[in-house]
Amino acid sequence: MKRIAVAIMLSLPLLAAHKHLTLEQALMLVKKKNLEIRVAEDEMQMKKMDARIAEGYNYGSADIIFNALRSNDAGNVFGFKLQSREATFRDFGFSDFLGGVGQALGMAGGDFNYFSSLMAQPAMQNALLDTAPNDLNYPGARNHFQEKIQYKVPLYVGGKLNKYGQIARKMALMSRLDKQKVINEKVYQTRKTFYDIALVNSYIKNLKIILKNVEELENTVSNMVKEGYALDIDLLQVKSKKADVLRMLNQAKLNRDLAYQFLSFLVDEKVDSVSVEDQDVPMPAMKREEMVNRNLDIQKARMGLEVTELAVGVERAAYYPQVGAFAEYGSADNTFMNDFTDKDAYTVGIQMKWNIFNGMIDKSKYEKARIQNLKARHQVDLAKKGIALQIDKIITEIKSREYDIKSLQQKVKFMRRVYENYYNRYKEGLISINDVLIKNSEHIQAVLKLAKTRNARNNKVFELENIINKGML
């Protein structure tokens, strides 16, 4: 039990939620622990392995081959003996041939001239040549063990392997851009959530001020009702307004809780509170051309263009000869690894293959690759213009909302003063409670609109940062 208690005590700090988490700490956690970033990292590592695979083809392949066979097939057995360097004249069927020659000698009775005349007779020659060699046609079953090492390497393939290697490396670099895009997205979401929380806190703070004013108005109206200067309906109207403010306040707190839950998901750890100032996101300080060039989609499009240029080289390689080398060394016997060096053998060679006609397929593939490259150039130009237009549009929207924010900030201050004025005039009996509540509603609407406008402006700045790759490590 003591060990369990100690283990629980040690694990408590690991399970504890983050309190007063700063934006810098949150960004470090996101880049380190976010699961989507980890998936992108895994994808990037796989692309690196693809590049190594493509490079490995340049060095050829070496294989150790082991064959263990048993057969009574005449062709196989004869081949086994030849590979084992054990073939004899008997294996060719000479025992049957010599038997026929012996019969001819017996018929000659030792007379060499007669023997020569017998052998010169077509009938005798046909009889000997038509004799079926039993040892060759019906050999006994034989085991065959072959051990060899084999190496194949491409010597020249028109630059195809080189281009494939470069393409694989470009794809690996593109996967880095894909990972960076995921990082930028998570940085964008994290920063946005922090500023959302700050805005909600500011909104809650203003709502609490409004609630305090409504509660003060409620006390005033309640006292005036007791003294006969106001009606019960006035108090009911104020209580209804107070209920609306409380509803808005609770909704804002729930939205803040939801933001904390999303932030916990991003950093993959529990977050209870953050440390963030209530301020608007600063605009990125860089020239428009730099913004366009930093965009990841533009960088990826340019890299895709380079890949299509390499693909043209790959298809061009079909016009050149393909040259490869081959080397093999091994040994064979009817017993495993028996007399290896006495029965070893080697084979070396070079092969060249050069296609001279295949129905214009190679030409069509080359033209297709060339057109694909031209298309990629057009896509890069289109992407640059599209991103530039998108950046201009976002900057315009940011500036427009900044003007709105300045105007709304003044309006909030003004509506607060107006409400205070109407409240004092109500206490003097100069206006009705409806007039006070209308100004209170206008004050709330101004506060809400200011919060929404600030949030919309910040979202556009975050969107711009994401487009211009500001989250780059």
Protein backbone atom coordinates (compact mmCIF):
# COMPACT_ATOMS: atom_id res chain seq x y z
CA MET A 1 0.00 0.00 0.00
CA LYS A 2 2.86 2.37 0.76
CA ARG A 3 4.35 1.77 -2.68
CA ILE A 4 0.99 2.45 -4.32
CA ALA A 5 0.60 5.65 -2.31
CA VAL A 6 4.10 6.82 -3.30
CA ALA A 7 3.39 6.05 -6.98
CA ILE A 8 0.16 8.05 -6.81
CA MET A 9 1.93 10.97 -5.14
CA LEU A 10 4.64 10.96 -7.81
CA SER A 11 2.10 10.85 -10.62
CA LEU A 12 0.02 13.75 -9.33
CA PRO A 13 2.30 16.48 -10.78
CA LEU A 14 2.09 14.76 -14.17
CA LEU A 15 -1.71 14.75 -14.04
CA ALA A 16 -2.02 18.30 -12.69
CA ALA A 17 -3.64 20.86 -14.97
CA HIS A 18 -1.79 23.93 -16.21
CA LYS A 19 -2.63 27.15 -14.42
CA HIS A 20 -1.74 30.61 -15.76
CA LEU A 21 -0.30 29.04 -18.89
CA THR A 22 1.47 31.61 -21.08
CA LEU A 23 1.19 31.74 -24.84
CA GLU A 24 4.88 30.88 -25.27
CA GLN A 25 4.49 27.80 -23.05
CA ALA A 26 1.39 26.73 -24.93
CA LEU A 27 3.13 27.04 -28.31
CA MET A 28 6.02 24.90 -27.05
CA LEU A 29 3.57 22.24 -25.87
CA VAL A 30 1.67 22.30 -29.15
CA LYS A 31 4.80 21.83 -31.26
CA LYS A 32 5.97 19.05 -28.96
CA LYS A 33 2.80 17.10 -28.14
CA ASN A 34 0.05 17.89 -30.65
CA LEU A 35 -1.03 14.62 -32.28
CA GLU A 36 -1.65 16.10 -35.73
CA ILE A 37 1.88 17.50 -35.78
CA ARG A 38 3.19 14.07 -34.78
CA VAL A 39 1.31 12.49 -37.67
CA ALA A 40 2.82 15.06 -40.05
CA GLU A 41 6.27 14.26 -38.63
CA ASP A 42 5.69 10.56 -39.27
CA GLU A 43 4.69 11.32 -42.85
CA MET A 44 7.84 13.42 -43.29
CA GLN A 45 10.02 10.59 -41.99
CA MET A 46 8.40 8.18 -44.46
CA LYS A 47 9.20 10.55 -47.33
CA LYS A 48 12.81 10.65 -46.16
CA MET A 49 12.87 6.87 -46.34
CA ASP A 50 11.47 7.06 -49.88
CA ALA A 51 14.40 9.30 -50.82
CA ARG A 52 16.86 6.77 -49.37
CA ILE A 53 15.12 3.98 -51.27
CA ALA A 54 15.43 5.91 -54.54
CA GLU A 55 19.12 6.55 -53.88
CA GLY A 56 19.72 2.89 -53.05
CA TYR A 57 18.80 1.75 -56.56
CA ASN A 58 22.04 3.31 -57.83
CA TYR A 59 24.10 0.73 -55.93
CA GLY A 60 22.42 -2.34 -57.35
CA SER A 61 21.57 -5.42 -55.30
CA ALA A 62 23.52 -8.38 -53.92
CA ASP A 63 21.72 -11.62 -53.05
CA ILE A 64 22.81 -14.83 -51.39
CA ILE A 65 20.86 -17.66 -53.03
CA PHE A 66 20.51 -21.18 -51.69
CA ASN A 67 18.74 -23.93 -53.65
CA ALA A 68 18.01 -27.39 -52.26
CA LEU A 69 16.55 -29.71 -54.92
CA ARG A 70 15.91 -33.39 -55.58
CA SER A 71 14.85 -34.79 -58.96
CA ASN A 72 14.96 -37.82 -61.24
CA ASP A 73 14.15 -35.77 -64.32
CA ALA A 74 16.77 -36.64 -66.93
CA GLY A 75 17.46 -33.02 -67.90
CA ASN A 76 17.65 -31.88 -64.27
CA VAL A 77 19.91 -34.72 -63.12
CA PHE A 78 22.28 -34.24 -66.04
CA GLY A 79 22.34 -30.48 -65.36
CA PHE A 80 22.93 -31.08 -61.64
CA LYS A 81 25.98 -33.22 -62.44
CA LEU A 82 27.36 -30.66 -64.86
CA GLN A 83 26.95 -27.85 -62.27
CA SER A 84 28.66 -30.07 -59.70
CA ARG A 85 31.46 -30.82 -62.23
CA GLU A 86 30.79 -34.57 -61.81
CA ALA A 87 29.51 -35.51 -65.30
CA THR A 88 31.16 -38.66 -66.84
CA PHE A 89 30.91 -40.40 -70.19
CA ARG A 90 28.60 -42.90 -68.50
CA ASP A 91 26.15 -40.08 -67.90
CA PHE A 92 26.08 -39.49 -71.67
CA GLY A 93 25.04 -43.13 -72.24
CA PHE A 94 28.47 -44.37 -73.41
CA SER A 95 27.98 -47.71 -71.63
CA ASP A 96 25.22 -48.64 -74.11
CA PHE A 97 27.26 -47.33 -77.02
CA LEU A 98 30.30 -49.35 -75.98
CA GLY A 99 28.10 -52.45 -75.70
CA GLY A 100 27.15 -52.10 -79.36
CA VAL A 101 30.78 -51.63 -80.35
CA GLY A 102 31.71 -54.74 -78.36
CA GLN A 103 29.13 -56.78 -80.26
CA ALA A 104 30.65 -55.58 -83.54
CA LEU A 105 34.12 -56.64 -82.34
CA GLY A 106 32.75 -60.07 -81.44
CA MET A 107 31.23 -60.44 -84.85
CA ALA A 108 34.59 -59.49 -86.48
CA GLY A 109 36.32 -62.28 -84.55
CA GLY A 110 39.35 -60.11 -84.02
CA ASP A 111 39.67 -59.21 -87.71
CA PHE A 112 40.19 -55.44 -87.72
CA ASN A 113 39.47 -55.09 -91.44
CA TYR A 114 36.19 -56.94 -91.04
CA PHE A 115 35.40 -54.81 -87.98
CA SER A 116 36.04 -51.66 -90.03
CA SER A 117 33.76 -52.89 -92.79
CA LEU A 118 31.03 -53.69 -90.24
CA MET A 119 31.27 -50.24 -88.72
CA ALA A 120 31.09 -48.69 -92.19
CA GLN A 121 27.79 -50.39 -92.92
CA PRO A 122 24.82 -47.96 -92.67
CA ALA A 123 22.73 -50.55 -90.88
CA MET A 124 25.38 -50.94 -88.14
CA GLN A 125 25.82 -47.19 -87.82
CA ASN A 126 22.07 -46.62 -87.52
CA ALA A 127 21.78 -49.40 -84.98
CA LEU A 128 24.48 -47.83 -82.82
CA LEU A 129 23.18 -44.27 -83.21
CA ASP A 130 19.58 -45.30 -82.50
CA THR A 131 20.55 -47.01 -79.26
CA ALA A 132 18.72 -45.33 -76.34
CA PRO A 133 21.24 -44.48 -73.57
CA ASN A 134 19.66 -45.86 -70.43
CA ASP A 135 21.98 -43.99 -68.02
CA LEU A 136 21.10 -40.68 -69.68
CA ASN A 137 17.35 -41.23 -70.07
CA TYR A 138 16.64 -43.00 -66.79
CA PRO A 139 19.05 -41.64 -64.20
CA GLY A 140 18.61 -42.27 -60.52
CA ALA A 141 17.18 -39.49 -58.36
CA ARG A 142 19.81 -37.00 -57.20
CA ASN A 143 20.05 -34.29 -54.54
CA HIS A 144 21.33 -30.90 -55.59
CA PHE A 145 22.54 -28.13 -53.28
CA GLN A 146 23.59 -24.83 -54.80
CA GLU A 147 25.00 -21.85 -52.90
CA LYS A 148 25.83 -18.60 -54.71
CA ILE A 149 26.11 -14.85 -54.33
CA GLN A 150 24.69 -12.67 -57.09
CA TYR A 151 25.22 -8.96 -57.73
CA LYS A 152 23.41 -6.77 -60.26
CA VAL A 153 24.07 -3.06 -60.79
CA PRO A 154 22.80 -0.52 -63.33
CA LEU A 155 25.69 1.20 -65.10
CA TYR A 156 23.81 3.67 -67.27
CA VAL A 157 20.07 4.27 -67.61
CA GLY A 158 20.04 7.68 -69.28
CA GLY A 159 20.06 9.56 -65.97
CA LYS A 160 16.72 8.08 -64.90
CA LEU A 161 17.87 6.90 -61.47
CA ASN A 162 19.49 10.25 -60.75
CA LYS A 163 16.27 12.06 -61.60
CA TYR A 164 14.21 9.65 -59.50
CA GLY A 165 16.50 10.31 -56.55
CA GLN A 166 16.14 14.07 -56.96
CA ILE A 167 12.36 13.74 -57.23
CA ALA A 168 12.26 11.69 -54.03
CA ARG A 169 14.34 14.32 -52.22
CA LYS A 170 12.02 17.05 -53.47
CA MET A 171 9.04 15.07 -52.20
CA ALA A 172 10.75 14.80 -48.81
CA LEU A 173 11.19 18.58 -48.77
CA MET A 174 7.55 19.00 -49.74
CA SER A 175 6.55 16.82 -46.80
CA ARG A 176 8.47 19.24 -44.57
CA LEU A 177 6.33 22.02 -45.98
CA ASP A 178 3.23 19.92 -45.28
CA LYS A 179 4.37 19.47 -41.70
CA GLN A 180 5.07 23.19 -41.39
CA LYS A 181 1.58 23.88 -42.68
CA VAL A 182 0.13 21.71 -39.91
CA ILE A 183 2.34 23.50 -37.36
CA ASN A 184 1.18 26.87 -38.67
CA GLU A 185 -2.43 25.78 -38.39
CA LYS A 186 -1.96 24.62 -34.78
CA VAL A 187 -0.04 27.79 -33.89
CA TYR A 188 -2.85 29.80 -35.47
CA GLN A 189 -5.49 27.90 -33.50
CA THR A 190 -3.53 28.21 -30.25
CA ARG A 191 -2.91 31.95 -30.57
CA LYS A 192 -6.51 32.51 -31.66
CA THR A 193 -7.79 30.60 -28.64
CA PHE A 194 -5.60 32.67 -26.29
CA TYR A 195 -6.87 35.93 -27.75
CA ASP A 196 -10.43 34.60 -27.77
CA ILE A 197 -10.10 33.89 -24.05
CA ALA A 198 -8.72 37.40 -23.49
CA LEU A 199 -11.63 38.90 -25.42
CA VAL A 200 -14.16 36.80 -23.53
CA ASN A 201 -12.56 37.88 -20.24
CA SER A 202 -12.85 41.52 -21.34
CA TYR A 203 -16.45 40.92 -22.39
CA ILE A 204 -17.22 39.25 -19.05
CA LYS A 205 -15.60 42.17 -17.24
CA ASN A 206 -17.82 44.66 -19.10
CA LEU A 207 -20.90 42.51 -18.49
CA LYS A 208 -20.10 42.46 -14.77
CA ILE A 209 -19.95 46.25 -14.82
CA ILE A 210 -23.30 46.33 -16.61
CA LEU A 211 -24.70 43.78 -14.14
CA LYS A 212 -23.51 45.94 -11.27
CA ASN A 213 -25.24 48.94 -12.83
CA VAL A 214 -28.45 46.96 -13.31
CA GLU A 215 -28.31 45.71 -9.71
CA GLU A 216 -27.81 49.30 -8.54
CA LEU A 217 -30.76 50.33 -10.68
CA GLU A 218 -32.78 47.47 -9.19
CA ASN A 219 -32.05 48.68 -5.65
CA THR A 220 -32.96 52.22 -6.61
CA VAL A 221 -36.24 51.20 -8.25
CA SER A 222 -37.05 48.92 -5.33
CA ASN A 223 -36.62 51.80 -2.87
CA MET A 224 -38.66 54.10 -5.10
CA VAL A 225 -41.47 51.54 -5.21
CA LYS A 226 -41.47 51.38 -1.42
CA GLU A 227 -41.68 55.16 -1.25
CA GLY A 228 -44.42 55.27 -3.89
CA TYR A 229 -42.38 57.04 -6.55
CA ALA A 230 -42.30 54.05 -8.92
CA LEU A 231 -44.55 51.20 -9.96
CA ASP A 232 -44.11 47.46 -9.47
CA ILE A 233 -43.97 47.07 -13.25
CA ASP A 234 -40.81 49.21 -13.27
CA LEU A 235 -39.14 46.81 -10.88
CA LEU A 236 -40.24 43.82 -12.95
CA GLN A 237 -38.73 45.40 -16.07
CA VAL A 238 -35.42 45.90 -14.28
CA LYS A 239 -35.43 42.32 -13.01
CA SER A 240 -36.08 41.08 -16.56
CA LYS A 241 -33.13 43.12 -17.81
CA LYS A 242 -30.99 41.72 -14.99
CA ALA A 243 -31.97 38.18 -16.04
CA ASP A 244 -30.89 38.96 -19.62
CA VAL A 245 -27.51 40.24 -18.44
CA LEU A 246 -27.02 37.16 -16.25
CA ARG A 247 -27.90 34.92 -19.19
CA MET A 248 -25.33 36.67 -21.39
CA LEU A 249 -22.76 36.46 -18.60
CA ASN A 250 -23.29 32.72 -18.13
CA GLN A 251 -23.14 32.14 -21.89
CA ALA A 252 -19.83 34.01 -22.05
CA LYS A 253 -18.42 31.87 -19.23
CA LEU A 254 -19.53 28.69 -21.02
CA ASN A 255 -17.82 29.91 -24.20
CA ARG A 256 -14.67 30.50 -22.17
CA ASP A 257 -14.86 26.97 -20.76
CA LEU A 258 -15.23 25.63 -24.29
CA ALA A 259 -12.14 27.60 -25.33
CA TYR A 260 -10.17 26.03 -22.47
CA GLN A 261 -11.30 22.57 -23.57
CA PHE A 262 -10.14 23.25 -27.13
CA LEU A 263 -6.82 24.59 -25.86
CA SER A 264 -6.38 21.43 -23.77
CA PHE A 265 -6.97 19.38 -26.91
CA LEU A 266 -4.35 21.37 -28.84
CA VAL A 267 -1.61 20.98 -26.21
CA ASP A 268 -2.75 17.44 -25.31
CA GLU A 269 -2.77 18.41 -21.61
CA LYS A 270 -5.37 19.86 -19.23
CA VAL A 271 -5.42 23.67 -19.05
CA ASP A 272 -7.36 25.43 -16.28
CA SER A 273 -6.28 29.01 -16.85
CA VAL A 274 -4.03 31.14 -19.01
CA SER A 275 -2.01 34.29 -18.58
CA VAL A 276 -2.86 36.66 -21.42
CA GLU A 277 -3.27 40.40 -21.79
CA ASP A 278 -6.34 41.96 -23.31
CA GLN A 279 -4.85 43.44 -26.46
CA ASP A 280 -5.33 43.17 -30.19
CA VAL A 281 -3.01 41.02 -32.30
CA PRO A 282 -0.28 43.15 -33.93
CA MET A 283 -0.10 43.26 -37.70
CA PRO A 284 2.87 41.42 -39.30
CA ALA A 285 5.56 43.92 -40.27
CA MET A 286 6.76 42.84 -43.71
CA LYS A 287 6.42 43.84 -47.32
CA ARG A 288 3.73 42.36 -49.55
CA GLU A 289 6.25 40.61 -51.81
CA GLU A 290 7.85 38.91 -48.81
CA MET A 291 4.41 37.82 -47.61
CA VAL A 292 3.72 36.17 -50.97
CA ASN A 293 7.11 34.45 -51.12
CA ARG A 294 6.77 33.08 -47.59
CA ASN A 295 3.46 31.39 -48.37
CA LEU A 296 3.79 27.61 -48.08
CA ASP A 297 1.47 26.89 -50.99
CA ILE A 298 3.66 29.07 -53.22
CA GLN A 299 6.80 27.29 -52.00
CA LYS A 300 5.15 23.92 -52.57
CA ALA A 301 4.00 24.95 -56.06
CA ARG A 302 7.55 26.00 -56.95
CA MET A 303 8.89 22.71 -55.68
CA GLY A 304 6.21 20.90 -57.68
CA LEU A 305 7.44 22.78 -60.74
CA GLU A 306 10.96 21.50 -60.09
CA VAL A 307 9.57 17.97 -59.80
CA THR A 308 7.88 18.26 -63.19
CA GLU A 309 11.17 19.45 -64.70
CA LEU A 310 12.86 16.35 -63.31
CA ALA A 311 10.00 14.20 -64.63
CA VAL A 312 10.77 15.51 -68.12
CA GLY A 313 14.33 14.19 -67.66
CA VAL A 314 12.97 10.83 -66.54
CA GLU A 315 10.93 10.45 -69.73
CA ARG A 316 13.86 11.66 -71.85
CA ALA A 317 15.94 8.77 -70.49
CA ALA A 318 13.86 6.37 -72.60
CA TYR A 319 15.73 7.63 -75.68
CA TYR A 320 19.07 6.40 -74.33
CA PRO A 321 20.46 2.86 -73.98
CA GLN A 322 20.10 0.95 -70.71
CA VAL A 323 23.32 -0.73 -69.53
CA GLY A 324 23.70 -3.07 -66.56
CA ALA A 325 26.33 -5.40 -65.11
CA PHE A 326 25.95 -8.83 -63.55
CA ALA A 327 28.27 -11.02 -61.47
CA GLU A 328 27.65 -14.38 -59.83
CA TYR A 329 29.83 -16.74 -57.81
CA GLY A 330 28.83 -20.04 -56.26
CA SER A 331 29.21 -23.79 -55.97
CA ALA A 332 26.99 -26.87 -56.33
CA ASP A 333 27.07 -30.47 -55.14
CA ASN A 334 24.79 -33.30 -54.10
CA THR A 335 25.90 -32.63 -50.51
CA PHE A 336 25.48 -29.25 -48.82
CA MET A 337 28.69 -27.13 -48.94
CA ASN A 338 30.76 -30.09 -50.07
CA ASP A 339 34.08 -29.31 -51.82
CA PHE A 340 32.96 -25.71 -52.31
CA THR A 341 36.17 -24.32 -53.81
CA ASP A 342 36.78 -27.40 -55.99
CA LYS A 343 33.36 -27.06 -57.62
CA ASP A 344 32.96 -23.29 -57.59
CA ALA A 345 32.06 -21.26 -60.68
CA TYR A 346 31.59 -17.64 -61.63
CA THR A 347 29.69 -15.71 -64.27
CA VAL A 348 30.11 -12.06 -65.17
CA GLY A 349 28.50 -10.04 -67.89
CA ILE A 350 27.18 -6.75 -69.20
CA GLN A 351 23.88 -6.16 -70.96
CA MET A 352 22.86 -3.23 -73.10
CA LYS A 353 19.27 -2.71 -74.20
CA TRP A 354 18.24 0.13 -76.49
CA ASN A 355 14.65 0.43 -77.60
CA ILE A 356 14.32 1.57 -81.21
CA PHE A 357 10.53 1.45 -81.60
CA ASN A 358 7.51 1.03 -79.34
CA GLY A 359 4.69 2.71 -81.20
CA MET A 360 5.78 6.29 -80.29
CA ILE A 361 4.88 5.63 -76.62
CA ASP A 362 8.12 7.15 -75.32
CA LYS A 363 7.63 10.28 -77.40
CA SER A 364 4.07 10.66 -76.14
CA LYS A 365 5.20 10.23 -72.52
CA TYR A 366 7.92 12.84 -73.01
CA GLU A 367 5.48 15.32 -74.53
CA LYS A 368 3.02 14.70 -71.72
CA ALA A 369 5.74 15.40 -69.11
CA ARG A 370 6.75 18.56 -70.95
CA ILE A 371 3.14 19.81 -71.03
CA GLN A 372 2.80 18.94 -67.32
CA ASN A 373 5.84 21.10 -66.63
CA LEU A 374 4.31 23.98 -68.60
CA LYS A 375 1.07 23.54 -66.67
CA ALA A 376 3.00 23.67 -63.38
CA ARG A 377 4.61 26.97 -64.43
CA HIS A 378 1.19 28.44 -65.09
CA GLN A 379 -0.07 27.11 -61.76
CA VAL A 380 2.81 28.81 -59.90
CA ASP A 381 1.98 32.15 -61.56
CA LEU A 382 -1.71 31.67 -60.82
CA ALA A 383 -1.01 30.75 -57.19
CA LYS A 384 1.19 33.83 -56.69
CA LYS A 385 -1.49 36.14 -58.06
CA GLY A 386 -4.22 34.39 -56.08
CA ILE A 387 -2.28 34.57 -52.79
CA ALA A 388 -1.36 38.21 -53.42
CA LEU A 389 -5.03 39.03 -54.00
CA GLN A 390 -6.03 37.13 -50.87
CA ILE A 391 -3.42 38.99 -48.80
CA ASP A 392 -4.61 42.37 -50.12
CA LYS A 393 -8.21 41.47 -49.33
CA ILE A 394 -7.39 40.41 -45.75
CA ILE A 395 -5.28 43.51 -45.09
CA THR A 396 -8.14 45.70 -46.34
CA GLU A 397 -10.60 43.90 -44.05
CA ILE A 398 -8.22 44.30 -41.08
CA LYS A 399 -7.88 48.04 -41.68
CA SER A 400 -11.65 48.39 -42.03
CA ARG A 401 -12.26 46.61 -38.73
CA GLU A 402 -9.56 48.69 -37.00
CA TYR A 403 -11.52 51.83 -37.94
CA ASP A 404 -14.68 50.16 -36.63
CA ILE A 405 -12.95 49.25 -33.36
CA LYS A 406 -11.86 52.85 -32.73
CA SER A 407 -15.37 54.05 -33.41
CA LEU A 408 -16.98 51.38 -31.23
CA GLN A 409 -14.60 52.04 -28.34
CA GLN A 410 -15.73 55.65 -28.32
CA LYS A 411 -19.33 54.52 -28.63
CA VAL A 412 -19.02 52.19 -25.61
CA LYS A 413 -17.64 55.05 -23.51
CA PHE A 414 -20.37 57.35 -24.77
CA MET A 415 -23.17 54.82 -24.14
CA ARG A 416 -21.89 54.27 -20.60
CA ARG A 417 -22.04 58.01 -19.93
CA VAL A 418 -25.49 58.21 -21.53
CA TYR A 419 -26.75 55.37 -19.34
CA GLU A 420 -25.37 57.06 -16.20
CA ASN A 421 -27.05 60.30 -17.24
CA TYR A 422 -30.40 58.60 -17.85
CA TYR A 423 -30.09 56.76 -14.56
CA ASN A 424 -29.61 60.00 -12.64
CA ARG A 425 -32.49 61.64 -14.52
CA TYR A 426 -34.71 58.66 -13.64
CA LYS A 427 -33.88 59.09 -9.96
CA GLU A 428 -35.01 62.69 -10.26
CA GLY A 429 -38.25 61.51 -11.84
CA LEU A 430 -37.61 63.20 -15.17
CA ILE A 431 -37.84 60.08 -17.38
CA SER A 432 -39.41 56.63 -17.29
CA ILE A 433 -37.68 53.37 -16.50
CA ASN A 434 -38.17 52.33 -20.13
CA ASP A 435 -35.84 55.10 -21.25
CA VAL A 436 -33.17 53.91 -18.80
CA LEU A 437 -33.47 50.30 -19.87
CA ILE A 438 -33.30 51.24 -23.54
CA LYS A 439 -30.00 53.02 -22.95
CA ASN A 440 -28.82 50.04 -20.92
CA SER A 441 -29.60 47.76 -23.87
CA GLU A 442 -27.80 50.11 -26.25
CA HIS A 443 -24.77 50.00 -23.94
CA ILE A 444 -24.84 46.18 -23.95
CA GLN A 445 -25.18 46.06 -27.73
CA ALA A 446 -22.22 48.42 -28.12
CA VAL A 447 -20.09 46.25 -25.82
CA LEU A 448 -21.13 43.09 -27.67
CA LYS A 449 -20.47 44.62 -31.09
CA LEU A 450 -17.05 45.85 -29.97
CA ALA A 451 -16.14 42.36 -28.75
CA LYS A 452 -17.30 40.77 -32.00
CA THR A 453 -15.46 43.33 -34.12
CA ARG A 454 -12.22 42.88 -32.16
CA ASN A 455 -12.58 39.14 -32.47
CA ALA A 456 -13.21 39.38 -36.22
CA ARG A 457 -10.20 41.67 -36.65
CA ASN A 458 -7.93 39.33 -34.67
CA ASN A 459 -9.17 36.34 -36.67
CA LYS A 460 -8.20 38.09 -39.89
CA VAL A 461 -4.72 38.86 -38.54
CA PHE A 462 -4.30 35.23 -37.55
CA GLU A 463 -5.49 34.19 -41.00
CA LEU A 464 -2.91 36.50 -42.55
CA GLU A 465 -0.16 35.09 -40.32
CA ASN A 466 -1.13 31.60 -41.37
CA ILE A 467 -1.01 32.54 -45.06
CA ILE A 468 2.42 34.20 -44.79
CA ASN A 469 3.89 31.31 -42.79
CA LYS A 470 4.51 33.39 -39.65
CA GLY A 471 4.35 30.25 -37.51
CA MET A 472 7.56 28.93 -39.12
CA LEU A 473 10.00 27.29 -36.68
